[in-house]
Protein backbone atom coordinates (compact mmCIF):
# COMPACT_ATOMS: atom_id res chain seq x y z
CA MET A 1 -36.94 8.23 10.31
CA GLN A 2 -33.29 9.28 10.60
CA GLU A 3 -30.97 8.14 7.78
CA ARG A 4 -28.16 5.90 8.93
CA SER A 5 -24.67 7.37 8.71
CA ASN A 6 -22.13 5.85 6.35
CA TYR A 7 -18.64 6.71 5.19
CA GLU A 8 -19.78 8.63 2.12
CA ASN A 9 -22.25 10.72 4.12
CA SER A 10 -19.41 11.48 6.57
CA GLY A 11 -17.23 12.84 3.77
CA VAL A 12 -14.95 9.82 3.39
CA ASN A 13 -14.04 8.87 -0.18
CA ILE A 14 -12.97 5.20 -0.08
CA LYS A 15 -12.11 5.06 -3.80
CA LEU A 16 -9.88 8.14 -3.54
CA GLY A 17 -8.09 6.55 -0.57
CA ASP A 18 -7.58 3.31 -2.51
CA ASP A 19 -6.28 5.21 -5.52
CA ALA A 20 -3.85 7.21 -3.36
CA SER A 21 -2.59 4.00 -1.74
CA LYS A 22 -1.89 2.46 -5.15
CA VAL A 23 0.02 5.53 -6.34
CA LEU A 24 2.15 5.65 -3.18
CA TYR A 25 2.82 1.88 -3.28
CA GLU A 26 4.05 2.09 -6.88
CA ALA A 27 6.26 5.08 -5.98
CA ALA A 28 7.73 3.18 -3.02
CA LYS A 29 8.46 0.16 -5.23
CA LEU A 30 10.68 2.34 -7.41
CA THR A 31 13.06 2.72 -4.46
CA TRP A 32 13.45 -1.05 -4.07
CA LYS A 33 15.85 -1.42 -7.00
CA ASN A 34 18.23 1.07 -5.34
CA ARG A 35 18.60 -1.32 -2.41
CA LYS A 36 19.27 -4.50 -4.42
CA GLY A 37 22.11 -6.41 -2.76
CA ASN A 38 22.45 -3.78 -0.02
CA LEU A 39 21.36 -3.49 3.57
CA GLY A 40 17.66 -2.72 3.57
CA GLU A 41 16.91 -4.66 0.38
CA VAL A 42 13.18 -5.42 0.14
CA VAL A 43 12.59 -9.16 -0.21
CA GLU A 44 9.35 -10.59 -1.56
CA ILE A 45 8.81 -13.68 0.60
CA PHE A 46 5.73 -15.00 -1.20
CA SER A 47 4.46 -13.91 -4.60
CA ASP A 48 0.83 -14.25 -3.61
CA PHE A 49 -2.01 -11.93 -2.72
CA SER A 50 -0.70 -11.32 0.82
CA GLY A 51 1.81 -8.70 -0.33
CA LEU A 52 4.12 -9.78 2.47
CA ARG A 53 7.58 -8.22 2.25
CA ALA A 54 10.66 -8.33 4.44
CA VAL A 55 13.72 -6.15 4.76
CA ASN A 56 17.06 -7.94 4.39
CA VAL A 57 19.39 -6.94 7.23
């Protein structure tokens, strides 16, 4: 019987991808304070799990 394919067997590392996303998100957040009060300021619309953000123009 042939083993079913899955992400791990295909060489995809989900945890590594999640970890990389977290690192890049935190790095991007550091740039937000530079925009405070300026065009392009990142605005947190809701402080919930959605993570929804807007750019003030």
